[in-house]
Amino acid sequence: MEGKFRICFETNAECLELKPRGSDIATVTSSLIVVHNGEIVFDTGIVLDQDMMGFQSQDFGWAEPVEEEKFAATLKEFRRVRSPLVFI
């Protein structure tokens, strides 16, 4: 799959660039769900291991970060919540 896409966070003006790989993985154990005005606007699985990093989504499949260090650093800024949804 060709192309890239960006996910930007308004709170810190950071953008993550990801490249879809045209595949899927089955090892996702964490999720990022963004809700705006009571509606889910973005939903993806997250893999953040030493051997593998990326997002797994029904919309785009498996996508790996273009800059792994920036990807890991940005995601580590989020507060870990052990509930099904985080309301922003």
N, C-alpha and C. Protein backbone atom coordinates (compact mmCIF):
# COMPACT_ATOMS: atom_id res chain seq x y z
N MET A 1 0.85 -1.18 0.00
CA MET A 1 0.00 0.00 0.00
C MET A 1 0.90 1.24 0.00
N GLU A 2 0.65 2.13 -0.91
CA GLU A 2 1.44 3.35 -1.04
C GLU A 2 0.89 4.47 -0.18
N GLY A 3 1.71 5.47 0.07
CA GLY A 3 1.27 6.67 0.76
C GLY A 3 1.55 6.65 2.23
N LYS A 4 1.26 7.79 2.85
CA LYS A 4 1.43 7.98 4.28
C LYS A 4 0.26 8.79 4.78
N PHE A 5 0.05 8.80 6.08
CA PHE A 5 -0.93 9.69 6.66
C PHE A 5 -0.39 10.23 7.96
N ARG A 6 -0.98 11.34 8.43
CA ARG A 6 -0.51 11.99 9.65
C ARG A 6 -1.63 12.06 10.66
N ILE A 7 -1.26 11.92 11.92
CA ILE A 7 -2.17 12.12 13.05
C ILE A 7 -1.56 13.25 13.87
N CYS A 8 -2.33 14.32 14.08
CA CYS A 8 -1.81 15.49 14.80
C CYS A 8 -2.58 15.68 16.10
N PHE A 9 -1.84 16.09 17.13
CA PHE A 9 -2.41 16.35 18.44
C PHE A 9 -2.36 17.84 18.71
N GLU A 10 -3.51 18.46 18.82
CA GLU A 10 -3.60 19.91 18.99
C GLU A 10 -2.93 20.39 20.29
N THR A 11 -2.95 19.55 21.32
CA THR A 11 -2.44 19.99 22.62
C THR A 11 -0.94 20.28 22.60
N ASN A 12 -0.17 19.55 21.78
CA ASN A 12 1.26 19.81 21.75
C ASN A 12 1.80 20.06 20.35
N ALA A 13 0.90 20.22 19.37
CA ALA A 13 1.26 20.54 17.98
C ALA A 13 2.19 19.49 17.35
N GLU A 14 2.16 18.28 17.88
CA GLU A 14 2.96 17.19 17.32
C GLU A 14 2.14 16.43 16.29
N CYS A 15 2.79 15.99 15.23
CA CYS A 15 2.16 15.13 14.25
C CYS A 15 2.98 13.86 14.10
N LEU A 16 2.29 12.75 14.02
CA LEU A 16 2.93 11.47 13.79
C LEU A 16 2.65 11.06 12.35
N GLU A 17 3.67 10.69 11.63
CA GLU A 17 3.50 10.24 10.25
C GLU A 17 3.58 8.71 10.24
N LEU A 18 2.58 8.08 9.64
CA LEU A 18 2.52 6.63 9.60
C LEU A 18 2.39 6.15 8.16
N LYS A 19 2.91 4.96 7.90
CA LYS A 19 2.85 4.38 6.57
C LYS A 19 2.09 3.05 6.64
N PRO A 20 0.90 2.98 6.01
CA PRO A 20 0.17 1.71 5.98
C PRO A 20 0.97 0.64 5.26
N ARG A 21 0.92 -0.58 5.76
CA ARG A 21 1.70 -1.69 5.19
C ARG A 21 0.85 -2.67 4.40
N GLY A 22 -0.46 -2.45 4.35
CA GLY A 22 -1.32 -3.34 3.58
C GLY A 22 -1.47 -4.72 4.20
N SER A 23 -1.32 -4.79 5.51
CA SER A 23 -1.44 -6.06 6.22
C SER A 23 -2.15 -5.83 7.54
N ASP A 24 -2.36 -6.89 8.28
CA ASP A 24 -2.96 -6.83 9.60
C ASP A 24 -2.11 -7.65 10.56
N ILE A 25 -2.19 -7.30 11.85
CA ILE A 25 -1.51 -8.09 12.87
C ILE A 25 -2.53 -8.47 13.94
N ALA A 26 -2.21 -9.47 14.72
CA ALA A 26 -3.16 -9.97 15.72
C ALA A 26 -2.66 -9.80 17.14
N THR A 27 -1.59 -9.04 17.36
CA THR A 27 -0.99 -8.95 18.70
C THR A 27 -1.31 -7.65 19.43
N VAL A 28 -2.37 -6.98 19.07
CA VAL A 28 -2.73 -5.70 19.69
C VAL A 28 -3.38 -5.95 21.04
N THR A 29 -2.86 -5.28 22.09
CA THR A 29 -3.45 -5.42 23.42
C THR A 29 -3.91 -4.09 24.00
N SER A 30 -3.57 -2.97 23.36
CA SER A 30 -3.97 -1.65 23.84
C SER A 30 -4.70 -0.91 22.72
N SER A 31 -5.46 0.09 23.11
CA SER A 31 -6.22 0.85 22.13
C SER A 31 -6.13 2.34 22.40
N LEU A 32 -6.31 3.11 21.36
CA LEU A 32 -6.46 4.56 21.45
C LEU A 32 -7.81 4.89 20.83
N ILE A 33 -8.70 5.45 21.64
CA ILE A 33 -10.04 5.82 21.18
C ILE A 33 -10.22 7.30 21.47
N VAL A 34 -10.50 8.06 20.42
CA VAL A 34 -10.72 9.50 20.57
C VAL A 34 -12.21 9.76 20.38
N VAL A 35 -12.81 10.41 21.39
CA VAL A 35 -14.23 10.73 21.37
C VAL A 35 -14.38 12.25 21.33
N HIS A 36 -15.19 12.74 20.42
CA HIS A 36 -15.45 14.18 20.31
C HIS A 36 -16.96 14.38 20.25
N ASN A 37 -17.48 15.21 21.15
CA ASN A 37 -18.92 15.46 21.23
C ASN A 37 -19.72 14.16 21.35
N GLY A 38 -19.21 13.23 22.15
CA GLY A 38 -19.91 11.99 22.39
C GLY A 38 -19.83 10.97 21.27
N GLU A 39 -19.04 11.23 20.25
CA GLU A 39 -18.93 10.32 19.11
C GLU A 39 -17.47 9.88 18.93
N ILE A 40 -17.28 8.59 18.67
CA ILE A 40 -15.93 8.09 18.41
C ILE A 40 -15.49 8.57 17.04
N VAL A 41 -14.39 9.34 17.01
CA VAL A 41 -13.89 9.88 15.75
C VAL A 41 -12.62 9.17 15.28
N PHE A 42 -11.97 8.44 16.17
CA PHE A 42 -10.78 7.69 15.80
C PHE A 42 -10.63 6.52 16.77
N ASP A 43 -10.36 5.35 16.22
CA ASP A 43 -10.25 4.14 17.03
C ASP A 43 -9.18 3.26 16.40
N THR A 44 -8.16 2.92 17.17
CA THR A 44 -7.08 2.09 16.65
C THR A 44 -6.45 1.27 17.76
N GLY A 45 -5.93 0.13 17.41
CA GLY A 45 -5.12 -0.64 18.32
C GLY A 45 -3.71 -0.09 18.31
N ILE A 46 -2.98 -0.25 19.41
CA ILE A 46 -1.61 0.26 19.52
C ILE A 46 -0.68 -0.88 19.87
N VAL A 47 0.44 -0.95 19.17
CA VAL A 47 1.53 -1.85 19.54
C VAL A 47 2.74 -0.96 19.78
N LEU A 48 3.32 -1.07 20.97
CA LEU A 48 4.47 -0.24 21.34
C LEU A 48 5.49 -1.12 22.07
N ASP A 49 6.08 -2.03 21.32
CA ASP A 49 7.09 -2.94 21.85
C ASP A 49 8.45 -2.58 21.27
N GLN A 50 9.51 -3.15 21.83
CA GLN A 50 10.85 -2.91 21.29
C GLN A 50 10.98 -3.44 19.86
N ASP A 51 10.31 -4.54 19.57
CA ASP A 51 10.44 -5.18 18.26
C ASP A 51 9.46 -4.67 17.22
N MET A 52 8.37 -4.05 17.66
CA MET A 52 7.31 -3.65 16.74
C MET A 52 6.55 -2.45 17.29
N MET A 53 6.29 -1.46 16.43
CA MET A 53 5.50 -0.29 16.81
C MET A 53 4.54 0.05 15.70
N GLY A 54 3.34 0.47 16.08
CA GLY A 54 2.39 0.92 15.07
C GLY A 54 0.97 0.90 15.55
N PHE A 55 0.08 1.23 14.61
CA PHE A 55 -1.36 1.23 14.84
C PHE A 55 -1.99 0.14 13.98
N GLN A 56 -3.00 -0.52 14.52
CA GLN A 56 -3.79 -1.51 13.78
C GLN A 56 -5.23 -1.05 13.79
N SER A 57 -5.79 -0.81 12.60
CA SER A 57 -7.13 -0.28 12.50
C SER A 57 -7.94 -1.02 11.44
N GLN A 58 -9.26 -1.07 11.65
CA GLN A 58 -10.14 -1.62 10.62
C GLN A 58 -10.12 -0.75 9.37
N ASP A 59 -9.84 0.54 9.54
CA ASP A 59 -9.85 1.47 8.41
C ASP A 59 -8.63 1.36 7.52
N PHE A 60 -7.43 1.19 8.12
CA PHE A 60 -6.21 1.20 7.31
C PHE A 60 -5.30 -0.01 7.54
N GLY A 61 -5.71 -0.97 8.36
CA GLY A 61 -4.87 -2.13 8.62
C GLY A 61 -3.70 -1.78 9.52
N TRP A 62 -2.56 -2.40 9.27
CA TRP A 62 -1.35 -2.16 10.06
C TRP A 62 -0.59 -0.99 9.46
N ALA A 63 -0.23 -0.01 10.31
CA ALA A 63 0.54 1.15 9.86
C ALA A 63 1.70 1.36 10.83
N GLU A 64 2.90 1.51 10.28
CA GLU A 64 4.10 1.71 11.09
C GLU A 64 4.52 3.17 11.06
N PRO A 65 5.11 3.66 12.17
CA PRO A 65 5.55 5.05 12.20
C PRO A 65 6.76 5.26 11.29
N VAL A 66 6.82 6.43 10.67
CA VAL A 66 7.98 6.80 9.87
C VAL A 66 9.16 7.09 10.80
N GLU A 67 8.87 7.75 11.95
CA GLU A 67 9.90 8.04 12.96
C GLU A 67 9.54 7.31 14.26
N GLU A 68 10.16 6.16 14.49
CA GLU A 68 9.81 5.33 15.65
C GLU A 68 10.03 6.04 16.99
N GLU A 69 11.14 6.77 17.14
CA GLU A 69 11.42 7.43 18.42
C GLU A 69 10.36 8.49 18.74
N LYS A 70 9.97 9.26 17.75
CA LYS A 70 8.95 10.29 17.93
C LYS A 70 7.60 9.65 18.26
N PHE A 71 7.28 8.57 17.59
CA PHE A 71 6.05 7.84 17.84
C PHE A 71 5.98 7.36 19.28
N ALA A 72 7.04 6.70 19.73
CA ALA A 72 7.08 6.18 21.11
C ALA A 72 7.01 7.31 22.12
N ALA A 73 7.78 8.37 21.91
CA ALA A 73 7.80 9.49 22.85
C ALA A 73 6.44 10.16 22.95
N THR A 74 5.76 10.35 21.82
CA THR A 74 4.45 11.00 21.83
C THR A 74 3.42 10.15 22.55
N LEU A 75 3.39 8.86 22.27
CA LEU A 75 2.41 7.99 22.92
C LEU A 75 2.67 7.83 24.41
N LYS A 76 3.92 7.89 24.82
CA LYS A 76 4.24 7.77 26.24
C LYS A 76 3.80 8.99 27.04
N GLU A 77 3.49 10.10 26.36
CA GLU A 77 2.98 11.30 27.04
C GLU A 77 1.54 11.12 27.50
N PHE A 78 0.81 10.21 26.88
CA PHE A 78 -0.57 9.98 27.28
C PHE A 78 -0.61 9.29 28.63
N ARG A 79 -1.59 9.66 29.42
CA ARG A 79 -1.80 9.03 30.72
C ARG A 79 -2.51 7.70 30.48
N ARG A 80 -1.96 6.63 31.04
CA ARG A 80 -2.56 5.31 30.87
C ARG A 80 -3.83 5.23 31.70
N VAL A 81 -4.92 4.83 31.05
CA VAL A 81 -6.21 4.70 31.71
C VAL A 81 -6.70 3.27 31.52
N ARG A 82 -7.14 2.68 32.59
CA ARG A 82 -7.59 1.29 32.51
C ARG A 82 -9.11 1.23 32.47
N SER A 83 -9.70 1.94 31.54
CA SER A 83 -11.14 1.88 31.32
C SER A 83 -11.36 1.86 29.81
N PRO A 84 -12.54 1.52 29.38
CA PRO A 84 -12.74 1.36 27.94
C PRO A 84 -12.63 2.64 27.11
N LEU A 85 -12.94 3.81 27.69
CA LEU A 85 -12.91 5.05 26.92
C LEU A 85 -12.22 6.17 27.68
N VAL A 86 -11.54 7.03 26.93
CA VAL A 86 -10.96 8.25 27.49
C VAL A 86 -11.67 9.41 26.81
N PHE A 87 -12.30 10.29 27.58
CA PHE A 87 -13.00 11.44 27.01
C PHE A 87 -12.08 12.65 27.04
N ILE A 88 -11.88 13.27 25.88
CA ILE A 88 -10.98 14.42 25.77
C ILE A 88 -11.79 15.68 25.60
